[in-house]
C-alpha atoms as a PDB file:
ATOM      1  CA  MET A   1      85.566 180.313 218.904  1.00  0.00           C
ATOM      2  CA  SER A   2      83.098 182.514 217.052  1.00  0.00           C
ATOM      3  CA  THR A   3      83.571 183.422 213.417  1.00  0.00           C
ATOM      4  CA  ASP A   4      82.580 186.823 212.102  1.00  0.00           C
ATOM      5  CA  VAL A   5      81.004 186.179 208.695  1.00  0.00           C
ATOM      6  CA  SER A   6      79.798 189.738 208.226  1.00  0.00           C
ATOM      7  CA  ALA A   7      83.144 190.771 206.772  1.00  0.00           C
ATOM      8  CA  GLU A   8      82.903 188.000 204.193  1.00  0.00           C
ATOM      9  CA  LYS A   9      79.589 189.206 202.784  1.00  0.00           C
ATOM     10  CA  PRO A  10      80.963 192.265 200.957  1.00  0.00           C
ATOM     11  CA  VAL A  11      83.660 190.069 199.446  1.00  0.00           C
ATOM     12  CA  ALA A  12      81.085 187.549 198.247  1.00  0.00           C
ATOM     13  CA  ALA A  13      78.859 190.331 196.987  1.00  0.00           C
ATOM     14  CA  GLY A  14      81.798 191.917 195.194  1.00  0.00           C
ATOM     15  CA  GLY A  15      82.699 188.604 193.584  1.00  0.00           C
ATOM     16  CA  ALA A  16      79.134 188.106 192.381  1.00  0.00           C
ATOM     17  CA  SER A  17      79.087 191.642 191.016  1.00  0.00           C
ATOM     18  CA  ARG A  18      82.349 191.088 189.142  1.00  0.00           C
ATOM     19  CA  ALA A  19      81.078 187.764 187.779  1.00  0.00           C
ATOM     20  CA  TRP A  20      77.856 189.405 186.589  1.00  0.00           C
ATOM     21  CA  GLY A  21      79.872 192.243 185.076  1.00  0.00           C
ATOM     22  CA  SER A  22      82.006 189.762 183.137  1.00  0.00           C
ATOM     23  CA  VAL A  23      78.959 187.867 181.855  1.00  0.00           C
ATOM     24  CA  SER A  24      77.232 191.144 180.974  1.00  0.00           C
ATOM     25  CA  HIS A  25      80.342 192.291 179.072  1.00  0.00           C
ATOM     26  CA  TYR A  26      80.398 189.202 176.855  1.00  0.00           C
ATOM     27  CA  LEU A  27      76.633 189.273 176.332  1.00  0.00           C
ATOM     28  CA  ASN A  28      76.884 192.925 175.364  1.00  0.00           C
ATOM     29  CA  ARG A  29      79.534 192.177 172.757  1.00  0.00           C
ATOM     30  CA  ALA A  30      77.432 189.344 171.318  1.00  0.00           C
ATOM     31  CA  GLY A  31      74.172 191.322 171.375  1.00  0.00           C
ATOM     32  CA  ILE A  32      71.594 190.084 168.871  1.00  0.00           C
ATOM     33  CA  LEU A  33      74.000 187.401 167.600  1.00  0.00           C
ATOM     34  CA  ILE A  34      72.966 184.909 170.292  1.00  0.00           C
ATOM     35  CA  PRO A  35      69.190 185.052 169.555  1.00  0.00           C
ATOM     36  CA  PHE A  36      70.034 184.932 165.844  1.00  0.00           C
ATOM     37  CA  LEU A  37      72.130 181.773 166.233  1.00  0.00           C
ATOM     38  CA  LEU A  38      69.468 180.140 168.401  1.00  0.00           C
ATOM     39  CA  LEU A  39      66.796 180.885 165.797  1.00  0.00           C
ATOM     40  CA  PHE A  40      69.077 179.606 163.018  1.00  0.00           C
ATOM     41  CA  LEU A  41      69.660 176.368 164.952  1.00  0.00           C
ATOM     42  CA  VAL A  42      65.950 175.835 165.626  1.00  0.00           C
ATOM     43  CA  LEU A  43      65.000 176.386 161.990  1.00  0.00           C
ATOM     44  CA  SER A  44      67.815 174.110 160.807  1.00  0.00           C
ATOM     45  CA  LEU A  45      66.473 171.307 163.013  1.00  0.00           C
ATOM     46  CA  THR A  46      62.787 171.814 162.218  1.00  0.00           C
ATOM     47  CA  SER A  47      62.945 172.532 158.480  1.00  0.00           C
ATOM     48  CA  GLU A  48      65.013 170.359 156.147  1.00  0.00           C
ATOM     49  CA  PRO A  49      65.296 172.865 153.263  1.00  0.00           C
ATOM     50  CA  PHE A  50      66.146 175.831 155.518  1.00  0.00           C
ATOM     51  CA  ALA A  51      69.913 175.346 155.824  1.00  0.00           C
ATOM     52  CA  THR A  52      70.459 174.497 152.152  1.00  0.00           C
ATOM     53  CA  LYS A  53      72.703 176.701 150.021  1.00  0.00           C
ATOM     54  CA  ALA A  54      69.855 177.589 147.677  1.00  0.00           C
ATOM     55  CA  ASN A  55      67.610 178.824 150.491  1.00  0.00           C
ATOM     56  CA  LEU A  56      70.325 180.778 152.307  1.00  0.00           C
ATOM     57  CA  LEU A  57      71.391 182.490 149.081  1.00  0.00           C
ATOM     58  CA  LEU A  58      67.747 183.295 148.372  1.00  0.00           C
ATOM     59  CA  ILE A  59      67.481 185.000 151.778  1.00  0.00           C
ATOM     60  CA  LEU A  60      70.607 187.064 151.078  1.00  0.00           C
ATOM     61  CA  GLU A  61      69.318 188.024 147.636  1.00  0.00           C
ATOM     62  CA  GLN A  62      65.928 189.067 148.964  1.00  0.00           C
ATOM     63  CA  GLN A  63      67.483 191.071 151.786  1.00  0.00           C
ATOM     64  CA  SER A  64      70.341 192.678 149.840  1.00  0.00           C
ATOM     65  CA  SER A  65      68.622 196.054 149.565  1.00  0.00           C
ATOM     66  CA  ALA A  66      67.574 196.088 153.214  1.00  0.00           C
ATOM     67  CA  LEU A  67      71.084 195.128 154.335  1.00  0.00           C
ATOM     68  CA  ILE A  68      72.752 197.882 152.309  1.00  0.00           C
ATOM     69  CA  ILE A  69      70.325 200.511 153.592  1.00  0.00           C
ATOM     70  CA  ALA A  70      70.525 199.213 157.180  1.00  0.00           C
ATOM     71  CA  ALA A  71      74.312 199.551 157.148  1.00  0.00           C
ATOM     72  CA  ALA A  72      73.963 203.188 156.087  1.00  0.00           C
ATOM     73  CA  MET A  73      71.099 203.828 158.513  1.00  0.00           C
ATOM     74  CA  THR A  74      73.422 202.729 161.307  1.00  0.00           C
ATOM     75  CA  LEU A  75      75.755 205.604 160.458  1.00  0.00           C
ATOM     76  CA  VAL A  76      72.874 208.084 160.532  1.00  0.00           C
ATOM     77  CA  LEU A  77      71.548 206.881 163.888  1.00  0.00           C
ATOM     78  CA  VAL A  78      74.998 206.676 165.451  1.00  0.00           C
ATOM     79  CA  SER A  79      75.679 210.291 164.454  1.00  0.00           C
ATOM     80  CA  GLY A  80      72.458 211.435 166.110  1.00  0.00           C
ATOM     81  CA  GLY A  81      70.006 211.557 163.182  1.00  0.00           C
ATOM     82  CA  ILE A  82      67.297 209.415 161.634  1.00  0.00           C
ATOM     83  CA  ASP A  83      66.307 208.916 158.006  1.00  0.00           C
ATOM     84  CA  LEU A  84      62.719 207.915 157.249  1.00  0.00           C
ATOM     85  CA  SER A  85      63.095 208.641 153.542  1.00  0.00           C
ATOM     86  CA  VAL A  86      65.259 205.636 152.648  1.00  0.00           C
ATOM     87  CA  GLY A  87      62.348 203.614 151.267  1.00  0.00           C
ATOM     88  CA  ALA A  88      61.197 206.487 149.077  1.00  0.00           C
ATOM     89  CA  VAL A  89      64.767 207.115 147.890  1.00  0.00           C
ATOM     90  CA  TRP A  90      65.109 203.420 147.047  1.00  0.00           C
ATOM     91  CA  GLY A  91      62.017 203.652 144.842  1.00  0.00           C
ATOM     92  CA  PHE A  92      63.088 206.965 143.311  1.00  0.00           C
ATOM     93  CA  ALA A  93      66.497 205.606 142.339  1.00  0.00           C
ATOM     94  CA  ALA A  94      64.845 202.528 140.841  1.00  0.00           C
ATOM     95  CA  VAL A  95      62.479 204.440 138.551  1.00  0.00           C
ATOM     96  CA  THR A  96      65.178 207.004 137.668  1.00  0.00           C
ATOM     97  CA  ALA A  97      67.592 204.281 136.561  1.00  0.00           C
ATOM     98  CA  ALA A  98      64.831 202.470 134.672  1.00  0.00           C
ATOM     99  CA  HIS A  99      63.618 205.673 132.971  1.00  0.00           C
ATOM    100  CA  PHE A 100      67.043 206.550 131.615  1.00  0.00           C
ATOM    101  CA  GLY A 101      67.914 202.905 131.023  1.00  0.00           C
ATOM    102  CA  LEU A 102      65.243 202.739 128.336  1.00  0.00           C
ATOM    103  CA  GLU A 103      67.075 205.361 126.267  1.00  0.00           C
ATOM    104  CA  THR A 104      70.731 205.493 127.342  1.00  0.00           C
ATOM    105  CA  ASP A 105      73.677 203.300 128.255  1.00  0.00           C
ATOM    106  CA  PRO A 106      72.850 201.019 131.244  1.00  0.00           C
ATOM    107  CA  ALA A 107      75.936 202.049 133.231  1.00  0.00           C
ATOM    108  CA  PHE A 108      75.115 205.740 132.819  1.00  0.00           C
ATOM    109  CA  ALA A 109      71.482 205.136 133.801  1.00  0.00           C
ATOM    110  CA  MET A 110      72.583 203.274 136.930  1.00  0.00           C
ATOM    111  CA  LEU A 111      74.919 206.104 137.921  1.00  0.00           C
ATOM    112  CA  LEU A 112      72.050 208.545 137.506  1.00  0.00           C
ATOM    113  CA  GLY A 113      69.892 206.400 139.791  1.00  0.00           C
ATOM    114  CA  ILE A 114      72.572 206.209 142.472  1.00  0.00           C
ATOM    115  CA  GLY A 115      73.297 209.915 142.032  1.00  0.00           C
ATOM    116  CA  ALA A 116      69.616 210.703 142.599  1.00  0.00           C
ATOM    117  CA  GLY A 117      69.869 208.976 145.964  1.00  0.00           C
ATOM    118  CA  THR A 118      73.061 210.851 146.813  1.00  0.00           C
ATOM    119  CA  LEU A 119      71.375 214.165 145.998  1.00  0.00           C
ATOM    120  CA  VAL A 120      68.411 213.436 148.260  1.00  0.00           C
ATOM    121  CA  GLY A 121      70.783 212.406 151.036  1.00  0.00           C
ATOM    122  CA  LEU A 122      72.706 215.667 150.659  1.00  0.00           C
ATOM    123  CA  VAL A 123      69.491 217.691 150.858  1.00  0.00           C
ATOM    124  CA  ASN A 124      68.440 215.751 153.966  1.00  0.00           C
ATOM    125  CA  GLY A 125      71.804 216.436 155.588  1.00  0.00           C
ATOM    126  CA  ILE A 126      71.727 220.163 154.833  1.00  0.00           C
ATOM    127  CA  VAL A 127      68.112 220.607 155.927  1.00  0.00           C
ATOM    128  CA  THR A 128      68.625 218.797 159.229  1.00  0.00           C
ATOM    129  CA  SER A 129      72.116 220.084 160.070  1.00  0.00           C
ATOM    130  CA  VAL A 130      72.354 223.582 158.622  1.00  0.00           C
ATOM    131  CA  PHE A 131      68.713 224.642 158.942  1.00  0.00           C
ATOM    132  CA  LYS A 132      68.263 222.694 162.204  1.00  0.00           C
ATOM    133  CA  ILE A 133      64.973 221.075 161.182  1.00  0.00           C
ATOM    134  CA  ASN A 134      64.189 217.966 163.202  1.00  0.00           C
ATOM    135  CA  ALA A 135      65.432 214.933 161.242  1.00  0.00           C
ATOM    136  CA  LEU A 136      62.255 212.961 161.904  1.00  0.00           C
ATOM    137  CA  ILE A 137      60.075 215.698 160.410  1.00  0.00           C
ATOM    138  CA  ALA A 138      62.481 216.617 157.605  1.00  0.00           C
ATOM    139  CA  THR A 139      62.950 213.092 156.297  1.00  0.00           C
ATOM    140  CA  LEU A 140      59.255 212.297 156.674  1.00  0.00           C
ATOM    141  CA  ALA A 141      58.451 215.346 154.528  1.00  0.00           C
ATOM    142  CA  MET A 142      61.157 214.271 152.078  1.00  0.00           C
ATOM    143  CA  THR A 143      59.424 210.899 151.799  1.00  0.00           C
ATOM    144  CA  PHE A 144      56.314 212.564 150.363  1.00  0.00           C
ATOM    145  CA  ILE A 145      58.368 214.754 148.040  1.00  0.00           C
ATOM    146  CA  VAL A 146      60.452 211.880 146.697  1.00  0.00           C
ATOM    147  CA  ASN A 147      57.443 209.591 146.259  1.00  0.00           C
ATOM    148  CA  GLY A 148      55.816 212.349 144.224  1.00  0.00           C
ATOM    149  CA  ALA A 149      58.955 212.788 142.142  1.00  0.00           C
ATOM    150  CA  SER A 150      58.993 209.045 141.469  1.00  0.00           C
ATOM    151  CA  GLY A 151      55.476 209.276 140.123  1.00  0.00           C
ATOM    152  CA  LEU A 152      56.464 212.112 137.808  1.00  0.00           C
ATOM    153  CA  VAL A 153      59.524 210.262 136.496  1.00  0.00           C
ATOM    154  CA  SER A 154      57.623 207.041 135.805  1.00  0.00           C
ATOM    155  CA  ASN A 155      54.363 208.759 134.856  1.00  0.00           C
ATOM    156  CA  GLY A 156      52.706 206.301 137.215  1.00  0.00           C
ATOM    157  CA  GLN A 157      53.536 203.389 134.900  1.00  0.00           C
ATOM    158  CA  LEU A 158      55.553 200.198 135.165  1.00  0.00           C
ATOM    159  CA  LEU A 159      58.917 200.716 133.462  1.00  0.00           C
ATOM    160  CA  ASN A 160      59.833 197.480 131.692  1.00  0.00           C
ATOM    161  CA  LEU A 161      63.481 196.768 130.835  1.00  0.00           C
ATOM    162  CA  PHE A 162      63.148 193.240 129.470  1.00  0.00           C
ATOM    163  CA  GLY A 163      64.300 194.568 126.111  1.00  0.00           C
ATOM    164  CA  LYS A 164      67.530 195.784 127.775  1.00  0.00           C
ATOM    165  CA  PRO A 165      69.195 192.598 129.044  1.00  0.00           C
ATOM    166  CA  ASP A 166      72.509 194.404 129.602  1.00  0.00           C
ATOM    167  CA  PHE A 167      70.824 196.339 132.406  1.00  0.00           C
ATOM    168  CA  GLY A 168      70.555 193.104 134.375  1.00  0.00           C
ATOM    169  CA  GLU A 169      74.293 192.415 134.401  1.00  0.00           C
ATOM    170  CA  LEU A 170      74.923 194.388 137.627  1.00  0.00           C
ATOM    171  CA  ALA A 171      72.703 192.165 139.769  1.00  0.00           C
ATOM    172  CA  GLY A 172      71.852 189.132 137.657  1.00  0.00           C
ATOM    173  CA  SER A 173      75.238 187.736 136.645  1.00  0.00           C
ATOM    174  CA  HIS A 174      77.092 185.152 138.747  1.00  0.00           C
ATOM    175  CA  PHE A 175      80.539 184.897 140.293  1.00  0.00           C
ATOM    176  CA  LEU A 176      81.560 181.653 142.039  1.00  0.00           C
ATOM    177  CA  THR A 177      77.921 180.494 141.729  1.00  0.00           C
ATOM    178  CA  VAL A 178      76.704 183.503 143.739  1.00  0.00           C
ATOM    179  CA  LYS A 179      74.761 186.357 142.160  1.00  0.00           C
ATOM    180  CA  THR A 180      76.642 189.616 141.789  1.00  0.00           C
ATOM    181  CA  MET A 181      73.782 191.337 143.619  1.00  0.00           C
ATOM    182  CA  ILE A 182      74.883 189.542 146.782  1.00  0.00           C
ATOM    183  CA  TRP A 183      78.566 190.309 146.174  1.00  0.00           C
ATOM    184  CA  THR A 184      77.708 193.984 145.681  1.00  0.00           C
ATOM    185  CA  MET A 185      75.749 193.984 148.936  1.00  0.00           C
ATOM    186  CA  VAL A 186      78.625 192.379 150.828  1.00  0.00           C
ATOM    187  CA  ALA A 187      81.110 194.906 149.433  1.00  0.00           C
ATOM    188  CA  ALA A 188      78.862 197.873 150.299  1.00  0.00           C
ATOM    189  CA  VAL A 189      78.228 196.627 153.842  1.00  0.00           C
ATOM    190  CA  VAL A 190      81.934 195.982 154.463  1.00  0.00           C
ATOM    191  CA  VAL A 191      82.897 199.464 153.221  1.00  0.00           C
ATOM    192  CA  MET A 192      80.330 201.156 155.480  1.00  0.00           C
ATOM    193  CA  GLY A 193      81.303 198.953 158.401  1.00  0.00           C
ATOM    194  CA  LEU A 194      84.951 199.926 158.013  1.00  0.00           C
ATOM    195  CA  LEU A 195      83.990 203.582 157.616  1.00  0.00           C
ATOM    196  CA  LEU A 196      82.218 203.558 160.961  1.00  0.00           C
ATOM    197  CA  SER A 197      84.607 201.361 162.923  1.00  0.00           C
ATOM    198  CA  THR A 198      88.097 202.248 161.668  1.00  0.00           C
ATOM    199  CA  THR A 199      88.138 205.803 160.316  1.00  0.00           C
ATOM    200  CA  THR A 200      88.321 209.227 161.904  1.00  0.00           C
ATOM    201  CA  ALA A 201      84.965 210.093 160.339  1.00  0.00           C
ATOM    202  CA  GLY A 202      83.444 207.073 162.074  1.00  0.00           C
ATOM    203  CA  ARG A 203      84.841 208.131 165.463  1.00  0.00           C
ATOM    204  CA  TYR A 204      83.432 211.589 164.880  1.00  0.00           C
ATOM    205  CA  MET A 205      80.016 210.050 164.157  1.00  0.00           C
ATOM    206  CA  TYR A 206      80.048 208.319 167.539  1.00  0.00           C
ATOM    207  CA  ALA A 207      81.128 211.564 169.183  1.00  0.00           C
ATOM    208  CA  ALA A 208      78.441 213.628 167.409  1.00  0.00           C
ATOM    209  CA  GLY A 209      75.719 211.203 168.411  1.00  0.00           C
ATOM    210  CA  GLY A 210      76.942 210.617 171.937  1.00  0.00           C
ATOM    211  CA  ASN A 211      77.308 214.264 172.965  1.00  0.00           C
ATOM    212  CA  ALA A 212      77.145 216.854 170.211  1.00  0.00           C
ATOM    213  CA  GLN A 213      77.994 219.750 172.526  1.00  0.00           C
ATOM    214  CA  ALA A 214      81.134 218.072 173.855  1.00  0.00           C
ATOM    215  CA  ALA A 215      82.082 217.009 170.323  1.00  0.00           C
ATOM    216  CA  ARG A 216      81.883 220.612 169.109  1.00  0.00           C
ATOM    217  CA  LEU A 217      84.038 221.790 172.006  1.00  0.00           C
ATOM    218  CA  ALA A 218      86.564 219.096 171.045  1.00  0.00           C
ATOM    219  CA  GLY A 219      86.743 220.490 167.515  1.00  0.00           C
ATOM    220  CA  VAL A 220      84.472 217.971 165.762  1.00  0.00           C
ATOM    221  CA  ARG A 221      82.511 219.477 162.875  1.00  0.00           C
ATOM    222  CA  VAL A 222      79.240 217.888 163.936  1.00  0.00           C
ATOM    223  CA  ASP A 223      77.159 219.320 161.084  1.00  0.00           C
ATOM    224  CA  ALA A 224      79.620 218.092 158.460  1.00  0.00           C
ATOM    225  CA  VAL A 225      79.718 214.639 160.056  1.00  0.00           C
ATOM    226  CA  ARG A 226      75.933 214.353 160.045  1.00  0.00           C
ATOM    227  CA  ILE A 227      75.693 215.571 156.463  1.00  0.00           C
ATOM    228  CA  LEU A 228      78.200 212.868 155.491  1.00  0.00           C
ATOM    229  CA  ALA A 229      76.052 210.237 157.223  1.00  0.00           C
ATOM    230  CA  PHE A 230      72.946 211.360 155.326  1.00  0.00           C
ATOM    231  CA  VAL A 231      74.841 211.401 152.031  1.00  0.00           C
ATOM    232  CA  VAL A 232      75.990 207.828 152.650  1.00  0.00           C
ATOM    233  CA  SER A 233      72.406 206.875 153.518  1.00  0.00           C
ATOM    234  CA  GLY A 234      71.007 208.389 150.323  1.00  0.00           C
ATOM    235  CA  THR A 235      73.733 206.819 148.198  1.00  0.00           C
ATOM    236  CA  ALA A 236      73.141 203.405 149.784  1.00  0.00           C
ATOM    237  CA  ALA A 237      69.393 203.647 149.192  1.00  0.00           C
ATOM    238  CA  GLY A 238      70.111 204.666 145.585  1.00  0.00           C
ATOM    239  CA  LEU A 239      72.431 201.715 145.077  1.00  0.00           C
ATOM    240  CA  ALA A 240      69.833 199.358 146.566  1.00  0.00           C
ATOM    241  CA  GLY A 241      67.134 200.690 144.250  1.00  0.00           C
ATOM    242  CA  VAL A 242      69.353 200.298 141.188  1.00  0.00           C
ATOM    243  CA  LEU A 243      70.273 196.747 142.216  1.00  0.00           C
ATOM    244  CA  ASP A 244      66.634 195.746 142.525  1.00  0.00           C
ATOM    245  CA  THR A 245      65.832 197.304 139.152  1.00  0.00           C
ATOM    246  CA  SER A 246      68.751 195.437 137.600  1.00  0.00           C
ATOM    247  CA  ASN A 247      67.650 192.201 139.240  1.00  0.00           C
ATOM    248  CA  GLY A 248      64.007 192.442 138.166  1.00  0.00           C
ATOM    249  CA  LEU A 249      64.457 194.471 134.949  1.00  0.00           C
ATOM    250  CA  SER A 250      61.497 196.631 135.918  1.00  0.00           C
ATOM    251  CA  ALA A 251      60.545 199.468 138.258  1.00  0.00           C
ATOM    252  CA  SER A 252      57.418 201.286 139.343  1.00  0.00           C
ATOM    253  CA  VAL A 253      56.151 203.535 142.122  1.00  0.00           C
ATOM    254  CA  GLN A 254      55.322 201.282 145.082  1.00  0.00           C
ATOM    255  CA  ILE A 255      54.665 203.478 148.103  1.00  0.00           C
ATOM    256  CA  THR A 256      53.594 200.558 150.297  1.00  0.00           C
ATOM    257  CA  ALA A 257      56.751 198.623 149.426  1.00  0.00           C
ATOM    258  CA  ASN A 258      58.808 201.751 150.157  1.00  0.00           C
ATOM    259  CA  ASP A 259      57.248 202.087 153.604  1.00  0.00           C
ATOM    260  CA  ASN A 260      57.695 198.377 154.337  1.00  0.00           C
ATOM    261  CA  LEU A 261      61.372 198.609 153.448  1.00  0.00           C
ATOM    262  CA  THR A 262      61.852 201.587 155.762  1.00  0.00           C
ATOM    263  CA  PHE A 263      60.147 199.700 158.591  1.00  0.00           C
ATOM    264  CA  THR A 264      62.231 196.559 158.016  1.00  0.00           C
ATOM    265  CA  VAL A 265      65.460 198.554 158.007  1.00  0.00           C
ATOM    266  CA  LEU A 266      64.631 200.525 161.155  1.00  0.00           C
ATOM    267  CA  ALA A 267      63.428 197.413 162.966  1.00  0.00           C
ATOM    268  CA  GLY A 268      66.561 195.489 162.032  1.00  0.00           C
ATOM    269  CA  VAL A 269      68.900 198.304 163.054  1.00  0.00           C
ATOM    270  CA  VAL A 270      67.196 198.819 166.413  1.00  0.00           C
ATOM    271  CA  ILE A 271      67.006 195.071 167.071  1.00  0.00           C
ATOM    272  CA  GLY A 272      70.722 194.985 166.326  1.00  0.00           C
ATOM    273  CA  GLY A 273      71.325 197.303 169.268  1.00  0.00           C
ATOM    274  CA  THR A 274      71.873 200.678 167.608  1.00  0.00           C
ATOM    275  CA  SER A 275      70.485 203.394 169.855  1.00  0.00           C
ATOM    276  CA  ILE A 276      67.939 205.751 168.318  1.00  0.00           C
ATOM    277  CA  LEU A 277      69.383 208.391 170.654  1.00  0.00           C
ATOM    278  CA  GLY A 278      72.765 208.225 168.909  1.00  0.00           C
ATOM    279  CA  GLY A 279      76.326 207.395 169.858  1.00  0.00           C
ATOM    280  CA  GLU A 280      75.978 203.615 169.999  1.00  0.00           C
ATOM    281  CA  GLY A 281      75.771 200.905 167.362  1.00  0.00           C
ATOM    282  CA  ALA A 282      77.671 198.774 164.866  1.00  0.00           C
ATOM    283  CA  VAL A 283      77.068 197.877 161.228  1.00  0.00           C
ATOM    284  CA  TRP A 284      77.542 194.149 161.741  1.00  0.00           C
ATOM    285  CA  LYS A 285      74.886 194.131 164.466  1.00  0.00           C
ATOM    286  CA  SER A 286      72.420 195.897 162.160  1.00  0.00           C
ATOM    287  CA  VAL A 287      73.122 193.264 159.503  1.00  0.00           C
ATOM    288  CA  VAL A 288      72.356 190.493 161.997  1.00  0.00           C
ATOM    289  CA  GLY A 289      69.207 192.350 163.089  1.00  0.00           C
ATOM    290  CA  VAL A 290      67.856 192.510 159.531  1.00  0.00           C
ATOM    291  CA  LEU A 291      68.731 188.860 158.926  1.00  0.00           C
ATOM    292  CA  PHE A 292      67.021 187.921 162.207  1.00  0.00           C
ATOM    293  CA  ILE A 293      63.731 189.280 160.850  1.00  0.00           C
ATOM    294  CA  ALA A 294      64.397 187.597 157.497  1.00  0.00           C
ATOM    295  CA  LEU A 295      64.923 184.207 159.165  1.00  0.00           C
ATOM    296  CA  ILE A 296      61.589 184.510 160.954  1.00  0.00           C
ATOM    297  CA  ASP A 297      59.778 185.234 157.707  1.00  0.00           C
ATOM    298  CA  ASN A 298      61.587 182.532 155.746  1.00  0.00           C
ATOM    299  CA  GLY A 299      61.207 179.885 158.441  1.00  0.00           C
ATOM    300  CA  TRP A 300      57.539 180.663 158.890  1.00  0.00           C
ATOM    301  CA  SER A 301      56.923 180.063 155.197  1.00  0.00           C
ATOM    302  CA  LEU A 302      58.964 176.856 155.084  1.00  0.00           C
ATOM    303  CA  LEU A 303      57.149 175.437 158.103  1.00  0.00           C
ATOM    304  CA  GLN A 304      53.834 176.296 156.399  1.00  0.00           C
ATOM    305  CA  ASN A 305      52.402 177.900 159.512  1.00  0.00           C
ATOM    306  CA  ASP A 306      49.238 179.985 159.504  1.00  0.00           C
ATOM    307  CA  PRO A 307      50.264 183.334 157.956  1.00  0.00           C
ATOM    308  CA  LEU A 308      47.710 185.165 160.123  1.00  0.00           C
ATOM    309  CA  TRP A 309      49.842 184.410 163.176  1.00  0.00           C
ATOM    310  CA  GLU A 310      53.129 185.518 161.632  1.00  0.00           C
ATOM    311  CA  PRO A 311      52.963 189.251 162.516  1.00  0.00           C
ATOM    312  CA  ILE A 312      52.160 188.382 166.139  1.00  0.00           C
ATOM    313  CA  ILE A 313      55.071 185.967 166.388  1.00  0.00           C
ATOM    314  CA  VAL A 314      57.413 188.391 164.608  1.00  0.00           C
ATOM    315  CA  GLY A 315      56.496 191.164 167.042  1.00  0.00           C
ATOM    316  CA  ALA A 316      56.939 188.896 170.066  1.00  0.00           C
ATOM    317  CA  LEU A 317      60.328 187.642 168.892  1.00  0.00           C
ATOM    318  CA  MET A 318      61.427 191.193 168.141  1.00  0.00           C
ATOM    319  CA  LEU A 319      60.498 192.255 171.684  1.00  0.00           C
ATOM    320  CA  ALA A 320      62.321 189.224 173.093  1.00  0.00           C
ATOM    321  CA  ALA A 321      65.433 190.017 171.055  1.00  0.00           C
ATOM    322  CA  VAL A 322      65.465 193.677 172.131  1.00  0.00           C
ATOM    323  CA  ALA A 323      64.858 192.659 175.760  1.00  0.00           C
ATOM    324  CA  PHE A 324      67.786 190.259 175.554  1.00  0.00           C
ATOM    325  CA  ASP A 325      69.978 193.021 174.153  1.00  0.00           C
ATOM    326  CA  SER A 326      68.920 195.391 176.944  1.00  0.00           C
ATOM    327  CA  PHE A 327      69.609 192.643 179.494  1.00  0.00           C
ATOM    328  CA  SER A 328      73.050 192.009 178.022  1.00  0.00           C
ATOM    329  CA  ARG A 329      73.916 195.713 178.252  1.00  0.00           C
ATOM    330  CA  GLY A 330      72.931 195.830 181.904  1.00  0.00           C
ATOM    331  CA  LEU A 331      69.793 197.876 181.324  1.00  0.00           C
ATOM    332  CA  LEU A 332      67.690 195.036 182.694  1.00  0.00           C
ATOM    333  CA  ARG A 333      69.136 193.374 185.768  1.00  0.00           C
ATOM    334  CA  PRO A 334      67.541 190.555 187.784  1.00  0.00           C
ATOM    335  CA  GLY A 335      65.177 192.041 190.339  1.00  0.00           C
ATOM    336  CA  ALA A 336      65.769 195.635 189.207  1.00  0.00           C
ATOM    337  CA  ALA A 337      62.178 196.203 188.130  1.00  0.00           C
ATOM    338  CA  VAL A 338      60.807 194.747 191.404  1.00  0.00           C
ATOM    339  CA  LYS A 339      63.145 196.906 193.489  1.00  0.00           C
ATOM    340  CA  GLN A 340      62.194 200.018 191.532  1.00  0.00           C
ATOM    341  CA  LEU A 341      58.485 199.281 192.033  1.00  0.00           C
ATOM    342  CA  ALA A 342      58.946 198.704 195.760  1.00  0.00           C
ATOM    343  CA  HIS A 343      60.928 201.929 196.079  1.00  0.00           C
ATOM    344  CA  GLY A 344      58.148 203.836 194.330  1.00  0.00           C
ATOM    345  CA  LEU A 345      55.490 202.353 196.604  1.00  0.00           C
ATOM    346  CA  ARG A 346      57.485 203.319 199.691  1.00  0.00           C
ATOM    347  CA  ARG A 347      57.825 206.905 198.511  1.00  0.00           C
ATOM    348  CA  GLY A 348      54.164 207.200 197.629  1.00  0.00           C
ATOM    349  CA  PRO A 349      52.636 209.861 195.351  1.00  0.00           C
ATOM    350  CA  ARG A 350      54.405 213.193 195.034  1.00  0.00           C
END
């Protein structure tokens, strides 16, 4: 008696497809977390001081500013914008707080620094949303303007606050053996994460970034939502700048450091899986993305490897992490690239 196996093939194929879909779903939810945990495990096994409390707290302290700004940048990207001025705003808030901290009450000076960031964020939001200027161009131009303003405020000099020890209380004091700078970062990140994931404003940000036209037809005030995202971004950058000034009791115009911070934040957010096209992302993933880069840098130093190789390795690991994220979201499937190439060769030039 013959057996017809042709009818079983679609069933088997369907089962394989469902199995792949289930695996892809869980990988998508994990995203950058899996490469991060693998890197953490490798460094823990290869470097004795890596997993110590002192080293891990040092990483969090060094990355506090980047983490705060990355959380806010996630909101901007999700809503369909981009903010290249965050590094400049961070520096502007730092020198503003330091300038007024030399003459006034520390708390008031800090509020002025954070407020300066909020103001720049508001201007960015209005320029990009109301006047419809491309966010990439608008915030890049704002970077030059804000860097120039920082130079005017500081007169191009280092602002030293060592004679104002009270200014260091915001970041330099301790609670449960952990610096308040880290606690402030955690609180800020949690608030922005909840804003994006649990509030109506957060849902509107996803809608605005996913399909602005459809969101408008559904009654979403897209311009207002994007302005809110930019205001949060400016405020976060201002808070980060004030924290660093409080932690180091000094501030100065550092354009290179500003640019490096912007790059680190954008790289971490994108590695975390937030789409630069809008409508997709999560604050916790951006946090893991920034920490992923931080672990590479910290582990490289602890292992005393040749620093000349570090940028190459960092770039390669970043590409691997993004490729893994794309694979987990189904954008890269086994054999898909080969099939696409073969299809193109069959069609020939058009």
